[in-house]
Amino acid sequence: MAETTPGLMIFCLARTPQREAQFGWIGEIAPNDVTVWRLAARQEVNARNLDQARVWQLGATAGDVKMQYLLQQGFVLGQNLQESSDDLSNIRKLFARRIDLLPFSNQAVLRYRSAQAGLDSHLLQPAFTLPGLSQPLYIAFSPGTPATRLAPYQASFRQLQKNGWLQQLTARYH
């Protein structure tokens, strides 16, 4: 929906060269520390890198940069990669043991989304990181949004940066 409906604001979108001209970028809002998570109780899920993870089921969200990356790295949908429509579905699948590993951007967001589902994120443990995907997250508008609509949001965002509000908010959650 966000890729086909102009005028939609998107929260937490990774800015990649492939997406640069596609979206209307407002500003950087959070670091993007992509970590692959597992249930702490599942000691048998012992992958320490992407190659070792190939024997396990990974979950990713359709259209997400992590899904694209895993496909480029040779993971195969329906074999060692499971697709979901949203992050919350993947979190639920991880807790239900329907997937073994979950790459997720930004630990604070993972903790928040887990709590939304009534799940205890403290039962999760980092398995390894994906440094190739670690890049900041942005607020953006969907493709086709007119530049005249972007400009006021970009100006407001710059003002929030200038007066220190964004730094205060970041410090509060990291």
N, C-alpha and C. Protein backbone atom coordinates (compact mmCIF):
# COMPACT_ATOMS: atom_id res chain seq x y z
N MET A 1 0.83 -1.19 0.00
CA MET A 1 0.00 0.00 0.00
C MET A 1 0.88 1.26 0.00
N ALA A 2 1.92 1.25 0.84
CA ALA A 2 2.77 2.44 0.94
C ALA A 2 3.54 2.71 -0.34
N GLU A 3 3.75 1.69 -1.14
CA GLU A 3 4.50 1.88 -2.38
C GLU A 3 3.59 2.27 -3.55
N THR A 4 2.28 2.17 -3.36
CA THR A 4 1.37 2.45 -4.48
C THR A 4 0.41 3.61 -4.22
N THR A 5 0.34 4.11 -2.99
CA THR A 5 -0.59 5.18 -2.66
C THR A 5 0.17 6.46 -2.33
N PRO A 6 0.15 7.45 -3.20
CA PRO A 6 0.85 8.71 -2.91
C PRO A 6 0.28 9.39 -1.65
N GLY A 7 1.16 10.10 -0.93
CA GLY A 7 0.73 10.89 0.21
C GLY A 7 0.76 10.17 1.54
N LEU A 8 1.27 8.95 1.60
CA LEU A 8 1.35 8.24 2.86
C LEU A 8 2.70 8.45 3.52
N MET A 9 2.68 8.79 4.81
CA MET A 9 3.92 8.94 5.55
C MET A 9 4.34 7.57 6.05
N ILE A 10 5.64 7.28 5.91
CA ILE A 10 6.19 5.99 6.32
C ILE A 10 7.20 6.25 7.42
N PHE A 11 7.04 5.51 8.51
CA PHE A 11 7.92 5.64 9.66
C PHE A 11 8.91 4.50 9.64
N CYS A 12 10.18 4.81 9.83
CA CYS A 12 11.25 3.81 9.90
C CYS A 12 11.49 3.08 8.59
N LEU A 13 11.94 3.81 7.61
CA LEU A 13 12.27 3.23 6.31
C LEU A 13 13.77 3.36 6.08
N ALA A 14 14.41 2.26 5.72
CA ALA A 14 15.84 2.29 5.41
C ALA A 14 16.04 2.98 4.05
N ARG A 15 16.99 3.86 4.01
CA ARG A 15 17.27 4.63 2.79
C ARG A 15 18.40 3.94 2.03
N THR A 16 18.05 3.31 0.94
CA THR A 16 19.02 2.57 0.13
C THR A 16 19.14 3.23 -1.24
N PRO A 17 20.22 2.95 -1.96
CA PRO A 17 20.34 3.51 -3.32
C PRO A 17 19.15 3.15 -4.21
N GLN A 18 18.62 1.94 -4.04
CA GLN A 18 17.47 1.52 -4.85
C GLN A 18 16.21 2.33 -4.53
N ARG A 19 16.09 2.80 -3.30
CA ARG A 19 14.90 3.53 -2.87
C ARG A 19 15.04 5.05 -2.99
N GLU A 20 16.26 5.53 -3.23
CA GLU A 20 16.55 6.97 -3.16
C GLU A 20 15.58 7.82 -3.97
N ALA A 21 15.39 7.50 -5.23
CA ALA A 21 14.52 8.31 -6.09
C ALA A 21 13.05 7.93 -5.96
N GLN A 22 12.78 6.83 -5.31
CA GLN A 22 11.43 6.31 -5.22
C GLN A 22 10.58 7.02 -4.17
N PHE A 23 11.19 7.36 -3.02
CA PHE A 23 10.45 7.92 -1.89
C PHE A 23 10.79 9.38 -1.68
N GLY A 24 9.93 10.09 -0.97
CA GLY A 24 10.19 11.47 -0.58
C GLY A 24 10.73 11.49 0.84
N TRP A 25 12.01 11.77 0.99
CA TRP A 25 12.70 11.65 2.27
C TRP A 25 12.51 12.90 3.13
N ILE A 26 12.12 12.69 4.40
CA ILE A 26 11.90 13.80 5.33
C ILE A 26 13.11 13.98 6.24
N GLY A 27 13.55 12.91 6.90
CA GLY A 27 14.71 13.04 7.77
C GLY A 27 15.04 11.75 8.51
N GLU A 28 16.28 11.70 8.97
CA GLU A 28 16.78 10.54 9.72
C GLU A 28 16.24 10.56 11.14
N ILE A 29 15.71 9.40 11.58
CA ILE A 29 15.10 9.37 12.92
C ILE A 29 15.71 8.37 13.88
N ALA A 30 16.42 7.36 13.39
CA ALA A 30 16.94 6.35 14.31
C ALA A 30 18.08 5.58 13.66
N PRO A 31 18.96 5.06 14.50
CA PRO A 31 19.98 4.16 13.96
C PRO A 31 19.32 2.86 13.51
N ASN A 32 19.96 2.15 12.66
CA ASN A 32 19.41 0.90 12.14
C ASN A 32 20.41 -0.20 12.39
N ASP A 33 20.41 -0.70 13.59
CA ASP A 33 21.31 -1.78 13.97
C ASP A 33 20.62 -3.11 13.69
N VAL A 34 20.80 -3.66 12.50
CA VAL A 34 20.10 -4.89 12.14
C VAL A 34 20.76 -6.06 12.86
N THR A 35 19.99 -6.66 13.75
CA THR A 35 20.43 -7.81 14.52
C THR A 35 19.51 -8.97 14.21
N VAL A 36 20.07 -10.16 14.16
CA VAL A 36 19.26 -11.37 13.97
C VAL A 36 19.01 -11.94 15.37
N TRP A 37 17.73 -12.10 15.69
CA TRP A 37 17.30 -12.51 17.03
C TRP A 37 16.81 -13.95 17.04
N ARG A 38 16.92 -14.58 18.20
CA ARG A 38 16.38 -15.91 18.44
C ARG A 38 15.77 -15.94 19.83
N LEU A 39 14.97 -16.96 20.11
CA LEU A 39 14.49 -17.16 21.46
C LEU A 39 15.67 -17.63 22.31
N ALA A 40 15.87 -17.02 23.45
CA ALA A 40 16.99 -17.38 24.33
C ALA A 40 16.91 -18.84 24.76
N ALA A 41 15.72 -19.36 24.91
CA ALA A 41 15.54 -20.75 25.35
C ALA A 41 15.93 -21.76 24.27
N ARG A 42 16.07 -21.31 23.04
CA ARG A 42 16.39 -22.22 21.93
C ARG A 42 17.90 -22.27 21.71
N GLN A 43 18.60 -22.93 22.61
CA GLN A 43 20.05 -23.03 22.53
C GLN A 43 20.51 -23.76 21.28
N GLU A 44 19.67 -24.62 20.72
CA GLU A 44 20.04 -25.36 19.51
C GLU A 44 20.15 -24.45 18.28
N VAL A 45 19.49 -23.30 18.33
CA VAL A 45 19.59 -22.32 17.24
C VAL A 45 20.86 -21.52 17.51
N ASN A 46 21.97 -22.03 16.98
CA ASN A 46 23.28 -21.51 17.37
C ASN A 46 24.03 -20.81 16.24
N ALA A 47 23.32 -20.32 15.26
CA ALA A 47 23.96 -19.61 14.14
C ALA A 47 24.65 -18.35 14.66
N ARG A 48 25.87 -18.12 14.20
CA ARG A 48 26.64 -16.94 14.58
C ARG A 48 26.93 -16.03 13.40
N ASN A 49 26.45 -16.45 12.22
CA ASN A 49 26.61 -15.63 11.01
C ASN A 49 25.57 -16.08 9.99
N LEU A 50 25.49 -15.38 8.90
CA LEU A 50 24.47 -15.64 7.89
C LEU A 50 24.65 -17.01 7.24
N ASP A 51 25.88 -17.43 7.01
CA ASP A 51 26.11 -18.75 6.41
C ASP A 51 25.59 -19.87 7.32
N GLN A 52 25.86 -19.76 8.61
CA GLN A 52 25.37 -20.77 9.54
C GLN A 52 23.85 -20.73 9.69
N ALA A 53 23.25 -19.59 9.39
CA ALA A 53 21.80 -19.44 9.52
C ALA A 53 21.02 -20.13 8.40
N ARG A 54 21.70 -20.56 7.35
CA ARG A 54 21.02 -21.16 6.20
C ARG A 54 20.27 -22.45 6.54
N VAL A 55 20.64 -23.11 7.63
CA VAL A 55 19.97 -24.35 8.01
C VAL A 55 18.73 -24.09 8.86
N TRP A 56 18.47 -22.85 9.19
CA TRP A 56 17.34 -22.48 10.02
C TRP A 56 16.30 -21.71 9.21
N GLN A 57 15.10 -21.57 9.77
CA GLN A 57 14.04 -20.79 9.15
C GLN A 57 14.14 -19.35 9.62
N LEU A 58 14.32 -18.42 8.68
CA LEU A 58 14.35 -16.98 8.99
C LEU A 58 13.03 -16.36 8.56
N GLY A 59 12.63 -15.33 9.24
CA GLY A 59 11.43 -14.59 8.88
C GLY A 59 11.79 -13.20 8.40
N ALA A 60 11.05 -12.71 7.43
CA ALA A 60 11.25 -11.34 6.94
C ALA A 60 9.92 -10.81 6.42
N THR A 61 9.83 -9.50 6.34
CA THR A 61 8.60 -8.83 5.91
C THR A 61 8.66 -8.56 4.41
N ALA A 62 7.58 -8.84 3.73
CA ALA A 62 7.49 -8.64 2.29
C ALA A 62 7.86 -7.20 1.93
N GLY A 63 8.75 -7.03 0.95
CA GLY A 63 9.14 -5.72 0.47
C GLY A 63 10.17 -5.01 1.32
N ASP A 64 10.52 -5.58 2.46
CA ASP A 64 11.46 -4.95 3.37
C ASP A 64 12.89 -5.12 2.87
N VAL A 65 13.76 -4.20 3.24
CA VAL A 65 15.16 -4.25 2.82
C VAL A 65 15.84 -5.52 3.33
N LYS A 66 15.43 -6.02 4.49
CA LYS A 66 16.02 -7.25 5.01
C LYS A 66 15.62 -8.45 4.16
N MET A 67 14.38 -8.48 3.69
CA MET A 67 13.93 -9.54 2.79
C MET A 67 14.75 -9.51 1.50
N GLN A 68 14.89 -8.34 0.92
CA GLN A 68 15.67 -8.20 -0.31
C GLN A 68 17.10 -8.66 -0.11
N TYR A 69 17.70 -8.29 1.02
CA TYR A 69 19.08 -8.66 1.32
C TYR A 69 19.22 -10.18 1.44
N LEU A 70 18.31 -10.81 2.17
CA LEU A 70 18.39 -12.26 2.36
C LEU A 70 18.23 -12.99 1.03
N LEU A 71 17.33 -12.52 0.19
CA LEU A 71 17.17 -13.13 -1.14
C LEU A 71 18.46 -12.99 -1.96
N GLN A 72 19.07 -11.81 -1.89
CA GLN A 72 20.34 -11.58 -2.60
C GLN A 72 21.45 -12.47 -2.06
N GLN A 73 21.36 -12.84 -0.80
CA GLN A 73 22.39 -13.70 -0.18
C GLN A 73 22.11 -15.18 -0.40
N GLY A 74 21.09 -15.50 -1.18
CA GLY A 74 20.82 -16.89 -1.55
C GLY A 74 19.78 -17.61 -0.71
N PHE A 75 19.12 -16.92 0.20
CA PHE A 75 18.03 -17.55 0.93
C PHE A 75 16.85 -17.72 -0.03
N VAL A 76 16.04 -18.76 0.21
CA VAL A 76 14.98 -19.13 -0.72
C VAL A 76 13.64 -19.15 0.01
N LEU A 77 12.68 -18.38 -0.51
CA LEU A 77 11.33 -18.36 0.07
C LEU A 77 10.76 -19.77 0.09
N GLY A 78 10.20 -20.15 1.24
CA GLY A 78 9.60 -21.46 1.38
C GLY A 78 10.58 -22.56 1.76
N GLN A 79 11.86 -22.26 1.69
CA GLN A 79 12.87 -23.24 2.11
C GLN A 79 13.49 -22.82 3.44
N ASN A 80 14.28 -21.75 3.41
CA ASN A 80 14.89 -21.28 4.65
C ASN A 80 14.52 -19.82 4.94
N LEU A 81 13.54 -19.33 4.21
CA LEU A 81 13.06 -17.95 4.40
C LEU A 81 11.54 -17.92 4.33
N GLN A 82 10.94 -17.38 5.39
CA GLN A 82 9.48 -17.27 5.46
C GLN A 82 9.09 -15.80 5.39
N GLU A 83 8.07 -15.51 4.58
CA GLU A 83 7.62 -14.13 4.35
C GLU A 83 6.35 -13.86 5.15
N SER A 84 6.30 -12.68 5.76
CA SER A 84 5.09 -12.22 6.45
C SER A 84 4.73 -10.84 5.92
N SER A 85 3.51 -10.44 6.18
CA SER A 85 3.04 -9.15 5.68
C SER A 85 3.49 -7.99 6.55
N ASP A 86 3.89 -8.27 7.82
CA ASP A 86 4.29 -7.18 8.71
C ASP A 86 5.22 -7.69 9.79
N ASP A 87 5.91 -6.77 10.45
CA ASP A 87 6.87 -7.11 11.50
C ASP A 87 6.23 -7.85 12.67
N LEU A 88 5.05 -7.43 13.06
CA LEU A 88 4.39 -8.04 14.21
C LEU A 88 4.11 -9.52 13.97
N SER A 89 3.74 -9.88 12.75
CA SER A 89 3.52 -11.29 12.41
C SER A 89 4.81 -12.09 12.57
N ASN A 90 5.93 -11.50 12.15
CA ASN A 90 7.21 -12.19 12.30
C ASN A 90 7.58 -12.37 13.76
N ILE A 91 7.34 -11.37 14.58
CA ILE A 91 7.63 -11.48 16.01
C ILE A 91 6.80 -12.60 16.62
N ARG A 92 5.52 -12.64 16.28
CA ARG A 92 4.65 -13.71 16.79
C ARG A 92 5.15 -15.09 16.32
N LYS A 93 5.56 -15.18 15.05
CA LYS A 93 6.09 -16.45 14.53
C LYS A 93 7.34 -16.89 15.30
N LEU A 94 8.20 -15.96 15.63
CA LEU A 94 9.41 -16.29 16.38
C LEU A 94 9.05 -16.86 17.76
N PHE A 95 8.14 -16.20 18.46
CA PHE A 95 7.73 -16.68 19.78
C PHE A 95 6.99 -18.00 19.70
N ALA A 96 6.28 -18.25 18.60
CA ALA A 96 5.54 -19.50 18.41
C ALA A 96 6.43 -20.61 17.84
N ARG A 97 7.70 -20.30 17.59
CA ARG A 97 8.68 -21.26 17.05
C ARG A 97 8.35 -21.70 15.63
N ARG A 98 7.63 -20.87 14.90
CA ARG A 98 7.36 -21.15 13.48
C ARG A 98 8.51 -20.67 12.61
N ILE A 99 9.34 -19.76 13.14
CA ILE A 99 10.62 -19.41 12.54
C ILE A 99 11.66 -19.50 13.65
N ASP A 100 12.93 -19.62 13.24
CA ASP A 100 14.00 -19.79 14.23
C ASP A 100 14.77 -18.51 14.48
N LEU A 101 14.88 -17.68 13.46
CA LEU A 101 15.68 -16.45 13.53
C LEU A 101 14.92 -15.31 12.89
N LEU A 102 15.09 -14.13 13.45
CA LEU A 102 14.39 -12.96 12.92
C LEU A 102 15.34 -11.77 12.84
N PRO A 103 15.71 -11.35 11.62
CA PRO A 103 16.47 -10.11 11.49
C PRO A 103 15.54 -8.93 11.77
N PHE A 104 15.99 -8.01 12.61
CA PHE A 104 15.13 -6.89 12.97
C PHE A 104 15.95 -5.62 13.09
N SER A 105 15.40 -4.54 12.59
CA SER A 105 16.04 -3.23 12.65
C SER A 105 15.67 -2.54 13.95
N ASN A 106 16.65 -2.11 14.68
CA ASN A 106 16.47 -1.27 15.85
C ASN A 106 15.85 -2.03 17.03
N GLN A 107 16.64 -2.29 18.02
CA GLN A 107 16.24 -3.04 19.20
C GLN A 107 15.09 -2.38 19.95
N ALA A 108 15.08 -1.07 20.04
CA ALA A 108 14.00 -0.38 20.75
C ALA A 108 12.66 -0.64 20.08
N VAL A 109 12.64 -0.66 18.76
CA VAL A 109 11.40 -0.93 18.03
C VAL A 109 10.97 -2.38 18.25
N LEU A 110 11.92 -3.31 18.26
CA LEU A 110 11.59 -4.72 18.52
C LEU A 110 10.95 -4.86 19.89
N ARG A 111 11.51 -4.20 20.88
CA ARG A 111 10.96 -4.30 22.24
C ARG A 111 9.54 -3.70 22.30
N TYR A 112 9.36 -2.58 21.63
CA TYR A 112 8.05 -1.93 21.61
C TYR A 112 7.01 -2.81 20.90
N ARG A 113 7.39 -3.33 19.72
CA ARG A 113 6.45 -4.15 18.94
C ARG A 113 6.11 -5.46 19.67
N SER A 114 7.10 -6.05 20.35
CA SER A 114 6.83 -7.26 21.14
C SER A 114 5.81 -6.96 22.23
N ALA A 115 6.01 -5.85 22.93
CA ALA A 115 5.08 -5.47 23.99
C ALA A 115 3.68 -5.24 23.43
N GLN A 116 3.58 -4.68 22.22
CA GLN A 116 2.27 -4.49 21.59
C GLN A 116 1.53 -5.81 21.44
N ALA A 117 2.28 -6.88 21.19
CA ALA A 117 1.69 -8.20 21.01
C ALA A 117 1.54 -8.96 22.33
N GLY A 118 1.92 -8.30 23.45
CA GLY A 118 1.84 -8.95 24.74
C GLY A 118 2.94 -9.98 24.96
N LEU A 119 4.06 -9.81 24.26
CA LEU A 119 5.17 -10.75 24.34
C LEU A 119 6.36 -10.10 25.06
N ASP A 120 7.09 -10.90 25.80
CA ASP A 120 8.21 -10.40 26.59
C ASP A 120 9.50 -10.45 25.76
N SER A 121 9.95 -9.31 25.32
CA SER A 121 11.15 -9.24 24.48
C SER A 121 12.41 -9.67 25.23
N HIS A 122 12.34 -9.75 26.54
CA HIS A 122 13.50 -10.20 27.31
C HIS A 122 13.74 -11.70 27.14
N LEU A 123 12.80 -12.39 26.49
CA LEU A 123 12.98 -13.81 26.17
C LEU A 123 13.76 -13.99 24.87
N LEU A 124 14.10 -12.87 24.22
CA LEU A 124 14.86 -12.91 22.97
C LEU A 124 16.34 -12.66 23.25
N GLN A 125 17.15 -13.16 22.35
CA GLN A 125 18.60 -13.00 22.48
C GLN A 125 19.18 -12.72 21.10
N PRO A 126 20.13 -11.79 21.02
CA PRO A 126 20.77 -11.55 19.72
C PRO A 126 21.64 -12.75 19.34
N ALA A 127 21.54 -13.18 18.09
CA ALA A 127 22.37 -14.28 17.57
C ALA A 127 23.60 -13.70 16.87
N PHE A 128 23.38 -12.71 15.99
CA PHE A 128 24.48 -12.05 15.28
C PHE A 128 23.92 -10.80 14.60
N THR A 129 24.80 -9.97 14.09
CA THR A 129 24.37 -8.74 13.42
C THR A 129 24.58 -8.88 11.92
N LEU A 130 23.92 -7.99 11.20
CA LEU A 130 24.08 -7.89 9.75
C LEU A 130 24.63 -6.49 9.44
N PRO A 131 25.95 -6.31 9.58
CA PRO A 131 26.53 -4.97 9.39
C PRO A 131 26.29 -4.40 8.00
N GLY A 132 26.11 -5.26 7.00
CA GLY A 132 25.84 -4.77 5.65
C GLY A 132 24.53 -4.02 5.52
N LEU A 133 23.65 -4.19 6.50
CA LEU A 133 22.35 -3.51 6.48
C LEU A 133 22.25 -2.39 7.51
N SER A 134 23.27 -2.20 8.29
CA SER A 134 23.22 -1.18 9.33
C SER A 134 23.38 0.21 8.72
N GLN A 135 22.27 0.88 8.63
CA GLN A 135 22.20 2.25 8.11
C GLN A 135 21.02 2.94 8.78
N PRO A 136 21.00 4.25 8.85
CA PRO A 136 19.93 4.94 9.57
C PRO A 136 18.54 4.70 8.97
N LEU A 137 17.54 4.87 9.83
CA LEU A 137 16.14 4.80 9.41
C LEU A 137 15.60 6.22 9.26
N TYR A 138 14.65 6.38 8.36
CA TYR A 138 14.12 7.70 8.00
C TYR A 138 12.60 7.72 8.06
N ILE A 139 12.08 8.93 8.17
CA ILE A 139 10.67 9.19 7.86
C ILE A 139 10.65 9.56 6.40
N ALA A 140 9.69 9.01 5.67
CA ALA A 140 9.60 9.28 4.24
C ALA A 140 8.13 9.30 3.83
N PHE A 141 7.89 9.78 2.63
CA PHE A 141 6.57 9.71 2.03
C PHE A 141 6.59 8.73 0.87
N SER A 142 5.46 8.15 0.60
CA SER A 142 5.33 7.15 -0.45
C SER A 142 5.62 7.74 -1.82
N PRO A 143 5.97 6.86 -2.77
CA PRO A 143 6.23 7.32 -4.14
C PRO A 143 5.03 8.09 -4.70
N GLY A 144 5.33 9.08 -5.49
CA GLY A 144 4.28 9.87 -6.13
C GLY A 144 3.77 11.03 -5.30
N THR A 145 4.30 11.20 -4.09
CA THR A 145 3.89 12.34 -3.26
C THR A 145 4.53 13.59 -3.83
N PRO A 146 3.74 14.62 -4.12
CA PRO A 146 4.29 15.84 -4.71
C PRO A 146 5.30 16.54 -3.79
N ALA A 147 6.33 17.11 -4.38
CA ALA A 147 7.37 17.82 -3.63
C ALA A 147 6.77 18.96 -2.80
N THR A 148 5.70 19.57 -3.28
CA THR A 148 5.06 20.65 -2.53
C THR A 148 4.47 20.14 -1.22
N ARG A 149 4.09 18.89 -1.17
CA ARG A 149 3.57 18.30 0.06
C ARG A 149 4.72 17.93 1.02
N LEU A 150 5.87 17.57 0.46
CA LEU A 150 7.03 17.18 1.27
C LEU A 150 7.66 18.38 1.98
N ALA A 151 7.72 19.50 1.29
CA ALA A 151 8.47 20.67 1.78
C ALA A 151 8.10 21.10 3.19
N PRO A 152 6.81 21.22 3.56
CA PRO A 152 6.50 21.64 4.94
C PRO A 152 6.98 20.63 5.99
N TYR A 153 6.89 19.35 5.68
CA TYR A 153 7.35 18.33 6.62
C TYR A 153 8.87 18.37 6.76
N GLN A 154 9.57 18.57 5.65
CA GLN A 154 11.03 18.68 5.69
C GLN A 154 11.45 19.89 6.52
N ALA A 155 10.76 21.00 6.34
CA ALA A 155 11.07 22.21 7.11
C ALA A 155 10.80 22.01 8.60
N SER A 156 9.69 21.38 8.93
CA SER A 156 9.37 21.10 10.34
C SER A 156 10.40 20.16 10.95
N PHE A 157 10.81 19.17 10.19
CA PHE A 157 11.80 18.22 10.68
C PHE A 157 13.13 18.93 10.97
N ARG A 158 13.55 19.80 10.05
CA ARG A 158 14.78 20.57 10.26
C ARG A 158 14.68 21.43 11.52
N GLN A 159 13.50 22.00 11.77
CA GLN A 159 13.30 22.82 12.97
C GLN A 159 13.42 21.97 14.24
N LEU A 160 12.86 20.75 14.20
CA LEU A 160 12.96 19.85 15.35
C LEU A 160 14.41 19.46 15.61
N GLN A 161 15.18 19.30 14.54
CA GLN A 161 16.61 19.02 14.68
C GLN A 161 17.33 20.22 15.29
N LYS A 162 17.02 21.38 14.76
CA LYS A 162 17.69 22.61 15.17
C LYS A 162 17.46 22.93 16.65
N ASN A 163 16.24 22.73 17.13
CA ASN A 163 15.95 23.08 18.52
C ASN A 163 16.28 21.95 19.50
N GLY A 164 16.83 20.84 19.01
CA GLY A 164 17.30 19.77 19.88
C GLY A 164 16.26 18.75 20.30
N TRP A 165 15.02 18.91 19.83
CA TRP A 165 13.96 18.00 20.24
C TRP A 165 14.25 16.57 19.79
N LEU A 166 14.73 16.38 18.57
CA LEU A 166 15.01 15.02 18.08
C LEU A 166 16.10 14.34 18.90
N GLN A 167 17.12 15.09 19.27
CA GLN A 167 18.19 14.51 20.08
C GLN A 167 17.66 14.09 21.47
N GLN A 168 16.79 14.91 22.04
CA GLN A 168 16.20 14.57 23.34
C GLN A 168 15.35 13.30 23.24
N LEU A 169 14.59 13.19 22.17
CA LEU A 169 13.74 12.02 21.97
C LEU A 169 14.60 10.76 21.76
N THR A 170 15.65 10.89 20.98
CA THR A 170 16.55 9.75 20.75
C THR A 170 17.20 9.31 22.05
N ALA A 171 17.65 10.24 22.85
CA ALA A 171 18.29 9.92 24.13
C ALA A 171 17.31 9.20 25.07
N ARG A 172 16.06 9.54 24.98
CA ARG A 172 15.05 8.95 25.83
C ARG A 172 14.84 7.46 25.56
N TYR A 173 15.02 7.04 24.29
CA TYR A 173 14.72 5.66 23.92
C TYR A 173 15.95 4.82 23.61
N HIS A 174 17.14 5.38 23.71
CA HIS A 174 18.36 4.58 23.42
C HIS A 174 19.29 4.61 24.59
